[in-house]
Amino acid sequence: MKWSDNTTLTIVIIGAINWLLVGIFRFDLVAFLFGNLSWLSRIIYTLVGLCGLYLISMYGRIRSSAD
């Protein structure tokens, strides 16, 4: 895997853990650390979302490497 793939995958995993905490405990770690919808927390949420969209391209790369 490329460095960018590993980095984006790590960011998405951190985002998934945050959503797990929200779903089970109603605890938003990003909001706790950086403020409820502050500019910094909005940047973090946007970064996680963009990384998730980038990782959609992995489906095509996995399919092409299997052929």
PDB file of N, CA and C in Angstrom:
ATOM      1  N   MET A   1       0.834  -1.191   0.000  1.00  0.00           N
ATOM      2  CA  MET A   1       0.000   0.000   0.000  1.00  0.00           C
ATOM      3  C   MET A   1       0.872   1.246   0.000  1.00  0.00           C
ATOM      4  N   LYS A   2       0.343   2.264  -0.617  1.00  0.00           N
ATOM      5  CA  LYS A   2       1.054   3.523  -0.632  1.00  0.00           C
ATOM      6  C   LYS A   2       0.905   4.220   0.719  1.00  0.00           C
ATOM      7  N   TRP A   3       1.785   5.177   0.948  1.00  0.00           N
ATOM      8  CA  TRP A   3       1.741   5.951   2.194  1.00  0.00           C
ATOM      9  C   TRP A   3       0.406   6.663   2.332  1.00  0.00           C
ATOM     10  N   SER A   4      -0.094   7.233   1.238  1.00  0.00           N
ATOM     11  CA  SER A   4      -1.370   7.960   1.303  1.00  0.00           C
ATOM     12  C   SER A   4      -2.522   7.029   1.645  1.00  0.00           C
ATOM     13  N   ASP A   5      -2.492   5.797   1.144  1.00  0.00           N
ATOM     14  CA  ASP A   5      -3.540   4.825   1.484  1.00  0.00           C
ATOM     15  C   ASP A   5      -3.512   4.501   2.970  1.00  0.00           C
ATOM     16  N   ASN A   6      -2.330   4.284   3.510  1.00  0.00           N
ATOM     17  CA  ASN A   6      -2.213   3.972   4.937  1.00  0.00           C
ATOM     18  C   ASN A   6      -2.674   5.144   5.802  1.00  0.00           C
ATOM     19  N   THR A   7      -2.316   6.350   5.409  1.00  0.00           N
ATOM     20  CA  THR A   7      -2.704   7.532   6.174  1.00  0.00           C
ATOM     21  C   THR A   7      -4.212   7.729   6.155  1.00  0.00           C
ATOM     22  N   THR A   8      -4.805   7.638   4.967  1.00  0.00           N
ATOM     23  CA  THR A   8      -6.250   7.836   4.883  1.00  0.00           C
ATOM     24  C   THR A   8      -7.004   6.725   5.596  1.00  0.00           C
ATOM     25  N   LEU A   9      -6.502   5.512   5.500  1.00  0.00           N
ATOM     26  CA  LEU A   9      -7.154   4.405   6.210  1.00  0.00           C
ATOM     27  C   LEU A   9      -7.101   4.619   7.718  1.00  0.00           C
ATOM     28  N   THR A  10      -5.990   5.107   8.231  1.00  0.00           N
ATOM     29  CA  THR A  10      -5.859   5.392   9.660  1.00  0.00           C
ATOM     30  C   THR A  10      -6.841   6.480  10.092  1.00  0.00           C
ATOM     31  N   ILE A  11      -6.967   7.530   9.295  1.00  0.00           N
ATOM     32  CA  ILE A  11      -7.888   8.620   9.633  1.00  0.00           C
ATOM     33  C   ILE A  11      -9.330   8.128   9.634  1.00  0.00           C
ATOM     34  N   VAL A  12      -9.681   7.291   8.659  1.00  0.00           N
ATOM     35  CA  VAL A  12     -11.043   6.760   8.601  1.00  0.00           C
ATOM     36  C   VAL A  12     -11.315   5.827   9.781  1.00  0.00           C
ATOM     37  N   ILE A  13     -10.344   5.051  10.186  1.00  0.00           N
ATOM     38  CA  ILE A  13     -10.512   4.171  11.350  1.00  0.00           C
ATOM     39  C   ILE A  13     -10.732   5.000  12.609  1.00  0.00           C
ATOM     40  N   ILE A  14      -9.976   6.088  12.761  1.00  0.00           N
ATOM     41  CA  ILE A  14     -10.182   6.974  13.913  1.00  0.00           C
ATOM     42  C   ILE A  14     -11.584   7.564  13.878  1.00  0.00           C
ATOM     43  N   GLY A  15     -12.043   7.955  12.695  1.00  0.00           N
ATOM     44  CA  GLY A  15     -13.405   8.458  12.552  1.00  0.00           C
ATOM     45  C   GLY A  15     -14.445   7.406  12.900  1.00  0.00           C
ATOM     46  N   ALA A  16     -14.194   6.171  12.505  1.00  0.00           N
ATOM     47  CA  ALA A  16     -15.124   5.089  12.819  1.00  0.00           C
ATOM     48  C   ALA A  16     -15.177   4.835  14.324  1.00  0.00           C
ATOM     49  N   ILE A  17     -14.051   4.911  14.988  1.00  0.00           N
ATOM     50  CA  ILE A  17     -14.029   4.748  16.442  1.00  0.00           C
ATOM     51  C   ILE A  17     -14.801   5.879  17.105  1.00  0.00           C
ATOM     52  N   ASN A  18     -14.673   7.090  16.573  1.00  0.00           N
ATOM     53  CA  ASN A  18     -15.437   8.217  17.116  1.00  0.00           C
ATOM     54  C   ASN A  18     -16.940   7.956  16.975  1.00  0.00           C
ATOM     55  N   TRP A  19     -17.368   7.459  15.804  1.00  0.00           N
ATOM     56  CA  TRP A  19     -18.792   7.155  15.618  1.00  0.00           C
ATOM     57  C   TRP A  19     -19.246   6.012  16.522  1.00  0.00           C
ATOM     58  N   LEU A  20     -18.376   5.063  16.780  1.00  0.00           N
ATOM     59  CA  LEU A  20     -18.703   3.988  17.727  1.00  0.00           C
ATOM     60  C   LEU A  20     -18.965   4.565  19.110  1.00  0.00           C
ATOM     61  N   LEU A  21     -18.114   5.492  19.531  1.00  0.00           N
ATOM     62  CA  LEU A  21     -18.306   6.141  20.831  1.00  0.00           C
ATOM     63  C   LEU A  21     -19.606   6.941  20.866  1.00  0.00           C
ATOM     64  N   VAL A  22     -19.931   7.611  19.769  1.00  0.00           N
ATOM     65  CA  VAL A  22     -21.184   8.365  19.693  1.00  0.00           C
ATOM     66  C   VAL A  22     -22.374   7.415  19.780  1.00  0.00           C
ATOM     67  N   GLY A  23     -22.300   6.318  19.047  1.00  0.00           N
ATOM     68  CA  GLY A  23     -23.414   5.371  19.010  1.00  0.00           C
ATOM     69  C   GLY A  23     -23.657   4.645  20.314  1.00  0.00           C
ATOM     70  N   ILE A  24     -22.608   4.270  21.006  1.00  0.00           N
ATOM     71  CA  ILE A  24     -22.763   3.484  22.229  1.00  0.00           C
ATOM     72  C   ILE A  24     -22.894   4.367  23.466  1.00  0.00           C
ATOM     73  N   PHE A  25     -22.054   5.379  23.568  1.00  0.00           N
ATOM     74  CA  PHE A  25     -21.991   6.172  24.799  1.00  0.00           C
ATOM     75  C   PHE A  25     -22.479   7.610  24.652  1.00  0.00           C
ATOM     76  N   ARG A  26     -22.897   8.000  23.423  1.00  0.00           N
ATOM     77  CA  ARG A  26     -23.273   9.390  23.154  1.00  0.00           C
ATOM     78  C   ARG A  26     -22.133  10.345  23.522  1.00  0.00           C
ATOM     79  N   PHE A  27     -20.921   9.928  23.211  1.00  0.00           N
ATOM     80  CA  PHE A  27     -19.732  10.712  23.518  1.00  0.00           C
ATOM     81  C   PHE A  27     -18.983  10.992  22.229  1.00  0.00           C
ATOM     82  N   ASP A  28     -18.933  12.250  21.824  1.00  0.00           N
ATOM     83  CA  ASP A  28     -18.236  12.653  20.612  1.00  0.00           C
ATOM     84  C   ASP A  28     -16.840  13.126  21.007  1.00  0.00           C
ATOM     85  N   LEU A  29     -15.855  12.309  20.740  1.00  0.00           N
ATOM     86  CA  LEU A  29     -14.478  12.597  21.138  1.00  0.00           C
ATOM     87  C   LEU A  29     -13.942  13.847  20.444  1.00  0.00           C
ATOM     88  N   VAL A  30     -14.251  14.018  19.175  1.00  0.00           N
ATOM     89  CA  VAL A  30     -13.767  15.194  18.444  1.00  0.00           C
ATOM     90  C   VAL A  30     -14.345  16.467  19.055  1.00  0.00           C
ATOM     91  N   ALA A  31     -15.647  16.466  19.335  1.00  0.00           N
ATOM     92  CA  ALA A  31     -16.276  17.634  19.956  1.00  0.00           C
ATOM     93  C   ALA A  31     -15.719  17.865  21.358  1.00  0.00           C
ATOM     94  N   PHE A  32     -15.427  16.802  22.065  1.00  0.00           N
ATOM     95  CA  PHE A  32     -14.869  16.925  23.408  1.00  0.00           C
ATOM     96  C   PHE A  32     -13.484  17.565  23.373  1.00  0.00           C
ATOM     97  N   LEU A  33     -12.661  17.144  22.402  1.00  0.00           N
ATOM     98  CA  LEU A  33     -11.289  17.641  22.325  1.00  0.00           C
ATOM     99  C   LEU A  33     -11.184  19.031  21.699  1.00  0.00           C
ATOM    100  N   PHE A  34     -12.009  19.306  20.696  1.00  0.00           N
ATOM    101  CA  PHE A  34     -11.820  20.525  19.912  1.00  0.00           C
ATOM    102  C   PHE A  34     -13.001  21.487  19.947  1.00  0.00           C
ATOM    103  N   GLY A  35     -14.052  21.142  20.655  1.00  0.00           N
ATOM    104  CA  GLY A  35     -15.218  22.021  20.738  1.00  0.00           C
ATOM    105  C   GLY A  35     -16.328  21.553  19.819  1.00  0.00           C
ATOM    106  N   ASN A  36     -17.549  21.839  20.241  1.00  0.00           N
ATOM    107  CA  ASN A  36     -18.716  21.404  19.480  1.00  0.00           C
ATOM    108  C   ASN A  36     -18.861  22.259  18.224  1.00  0.00           C
ATOM    109  N   LEU A  37     -18.541  21.686  17.092  1.00  0.00           N
ATOM    110  CA  LEU A  37     -18.582  22.322  15.777  1.00  0.00           C
ATOM    111  C   LEU A  37     -17.761  23.600  15.705  1.00  0.00           C
ATOM    112  N   SER A  38     -16.617  23.600  16.368  1.00  0.00           N
ATOM    113  CA  SER A  38     -15.661  24.687  16.189  1.00  0.00           C
ATOM    114  C   SER A  38     -15.039  24.535  14.803  1.00  0.00           C
ATOM    115  N   TRP A  39     -14.284  25.523  14.375  1.00  0.00           N
ATOM    116  CA  TRP A  39     -13.682  25.439  13.045  1.00  0.00           C
ATOM    117  C   TRP A  39     -12.709  24.277  12.960  1.00  0.00           C
ATOM    118  N   LEU A  40     -12.017  23.962  14.066  1.00  0.00           N
ATOM    119  CA  LEU A  40     -11.061  22.856  14.049  1.00  0.00           C
ATOM    120  C   LEU A  40     -11.783  21.503  13.978  1.00  0.00           C
ATOM    121  N   SER A  41     -12.855  21.348  14.726  1.00  0.00           N
ATOM    122  CA  SER A  41     -13.596  20.084  14.662  1.00  0.00           C
ATOM    123  C   SER A  41     -14.252  19.915  13.295  1.00  0.00           C
ATOM    124  N   ARG A  42     -14.706  20.999  12.679  1.00  0.00           N
ATOM    125  CA  ARG A  42     -15.281  20.901  11.330  1.00  0.00           C
ATOM    126  C   ARG A  42     -14.224  20.483  10.315  1.00  0.00           C
ATOM    127  N   ILE A  43     -13.004  20.954  10.481  1.00  0.00           N
ATOM    128  CA  ILE A  43     -11.904  20.539   9.600  1.00  0.00           C
ATOM    129  C   ILE A  43     -11.640  19.045   9.769  1.00  0.00           C
ATOM    130  N   ILE A  44     -11.655  18.568  11.004  1.00  0.00           N
ATOM    131  CA  ILE A  44     -11.416  17.146  11.264  1.00  0.00           C
ATOM    132  C   ILE A  44     -12.522  16.295  10.652  1.00  0.00           C
ATOM    133  N   TYR A  45     -13.796  16.694  10.855  1.00  0.00           N
ATOM    134  CA  TYR A  45     -14.910  15.953  10.257  1.00  0.00           C
ATOM    135  C   TYR A  45     -14.798  15.946   8.730  1.00  0.00           C
ATOM    136  N   THR A  46     -14.433  17.076   8.141  1.00  0.00           N
ATOM    137  CA  THR A  46     -14.281  17.162   6.688  1.00  0.00           C
ATOM    138  C   THR A  46     -13.146  16.276   6.211  1.00  0.00           C
ATOM    139  N   LEU A  47     -12.040  16.266   6.934  1.00  0.00           N
ATOM    140  CA  LEU A  47     -10.899  15.430   6.571  1.00  0.00           C
ATOM    141  C   LEU A  47     -11.264  13.946   6.618  1.00  0.00           C
ATOM    142  N   VAL A  48     -11.990  13.529   7.638  1.00  0.00           N
ATOM    143  CA  VAL A  48     -12.414  12.130   7.737  1.00  0.00           C
ATOM    144  C   VAL A  48     -13.325  11.783   6.563  1.00  0.00           C
ATOM    145  N   GLY A  49     -14.249  12.674   6.236  1.00  0.00           N
ATOM    146  CA  GLY A  49     -15.148  12.424   5.108  1.00  0.00           C
ATOM    147  C   GLY A  49     -14.418  12.342   3.782  1.00  0.00           C
ATOM    148  N   LEU A  50     -13.475  13.241   3.550  1.00  0.00           N
ATOM    149  CA  LEU A  50     -12.696  13.211   2.314  1.00  0.00           C
ATOM    150  C   LEU A  50     -11.846  11.949   2.213  1.00  0.00           C
ATOM    151  N   CYS A  51     -11.290  11.524   3.339  1.00  0.00           N
ATOM    152  CA  CYS A  51     -10.507  10.279   3.338  1.00  0.00           C
ATOM    153  C   CYS A  51     -11.400   9.085   3.021  1.00  0.00           C
ATOM    154  N   GLY A  52     -12.612   9.094   3.554  1.00  0.00           N
ATOM    155  CA  GLY A  52     -13.555   8.018   3.238  1.00  0.00           C
ATOM    156  C   GLY A  52     -13.879   7.978   1.756  1.00  0.00           C
ATOM    157  N   LEU A  53     -14.092   9.153   1.157  1.00  0.00           N
ATOM    158  CA  LEU A  53     -14.359   9.201  -0.281  1.00  0.00           C
ATOM    159  C   LEU A  53     -13.149   8.724  -1.081  1.00  0.00           C
ATOM    160  N   TYR A  54     -11.961   9.084  -0.643  1.00  0.00           N
ATOM    161  CA  TYR A  54     -10.746   8.634  -1.328  1.00  0.00           C
ATOM    162  C   TYR A  54     -10.636   7.110  -1.282  1.00  0.00           C
ATOM    163  N   LEU A  55     -10.995   6.526  -0.151  1.00  0.00           N
ATOM    164  CA  LEU A  55     -10.840   5.075  -0.001  1.00  0.00           C
ATOM    165  C   LEU A  55     -11.847   4.291  -0.834  1.00  0.00           C
ATOM    166  N   ILE A  56     -12.861   4.960  -1.358  1.00  0.00           N
ATOM    167  CA  ILE A  56     -13.763   4.270  -2.289  1.00  0.00           C
ATOM    168  C   ILE A  56     -12.978   3.764  -3.494  1.00  0.00           C
ATOM    169  N   SER A  57     -11.922   4.470  -3.861  1.00  0.00           N
ATOM    170  CA  SER A  57     -11.103   4.045  -5.001  1.00  0.00           C
ATOM    171  C   SER A  57     -10.408   2.712  -4.748  1.00  0.00           C
ATOM    172  N   MET A  58     -10.338   2.285  -3.495  1.00  0.00           N
ATOM    173  CA  MET A  58      -9.696   0.991  -3.200  1.00  0.00           C
ATOM    174  C   MET A  58     -10.465  -0.166  -3.813  1.00  0.00           C
ATOM    175  N   TYR A  59     -11.780  -0.026  -3.970  1.00  0.00           N
ATOM    176  CA  TYR A  59     -12.558  -1.098  -4.588  1.00  0.00           C
ATOM    177  C   TYR A  59     -12.055  -1.379  -5.997  1.00  0.00           C
ATOM    178  N   GLY A  60     -11.807  -0.338  -6.750  1.00  0.00           N
ATOM    179  CA  GLY A  60     -11.291  -0.524  -8.106  1.00  0.00           C
ATOM    180  C   GLY A  60      -9.893  -1.086  -8.115  1.00  0.00           C
ATOM    181  N   ARG A  61      -9.062  -0.636  -7.189  1.00  0.00           N
ATOM    182  CA  ARG A  61      -7.685  -1.138  -7.146  1.00  0.00           C
ATOM    183  C   ARG A  61      -7.644  -2.590  -6.686  1.00  0.00           C
ATOM    184  N   ILE A  62      -8.515  -2.966  -5.766  1.00  0.00           N
ATOM    185  CA  ILE A  62      -8.554  -4.367  -5.309  1.00  0.00           C
ATOM    186  C   ILE A  62      -9.016  -5.259  -6.458  1.00  0.00           C
ATOM    187  N   ARG A  63     -10.039  -4.807  -7.180  1.00  0.00           N
ATOM    188  CA  ARG A  63     -10.564  -5.602  -8.290  1.00  0.00           C
ATOM    189  C   ARG A  63      -9.514  -5.755  -9.388  1.00  0.00           C
ATOM    190  N   SER A  64      -8.775  -4.678  -9.696  1.00  0.00           N
ATOM    191  CA  SER A  64      -7.771  -4.771 -10.760  1.00  0.00           C
ATOM    192  C   SER A  64      -6.569  -5.614 -10.365  1.00  0.00           C
ATOM    193  N   SER A  65      -6.225  -5.628  -9.076  1.00  0.00           N
ATOM    194  CA  SER A  65      -5.087  -6.448  -8.643  1.00  0.00           C
ATOM    195  C   SER A  65      -5.448  -7.927  -8.556  1.00  0.00           C
ATOM    196  N   ALA A  66      -6.760  -8.228  -8.411  1.00  0.00           N
ATOM    197  CA  ALA A  66      -7.180  -9.625  -8.341  1.00  0.00           C
ATOM    198  C   ALA A  66      -7.206 -10.267  -9.711  1.00  0.00           C
ATOM    199  N   ASP A  67      -7.302  -9.456 -10.768  1.00  0.00           N
ATOM    200  CA  ASP A  67      -7.368 -10.008 -12.132  1.00  0.00           C
ATOM    201  C   ASP A  67      -6.037 -10.462 -12.655  1.00  0.00           C
TER     202      ASP A  67
END
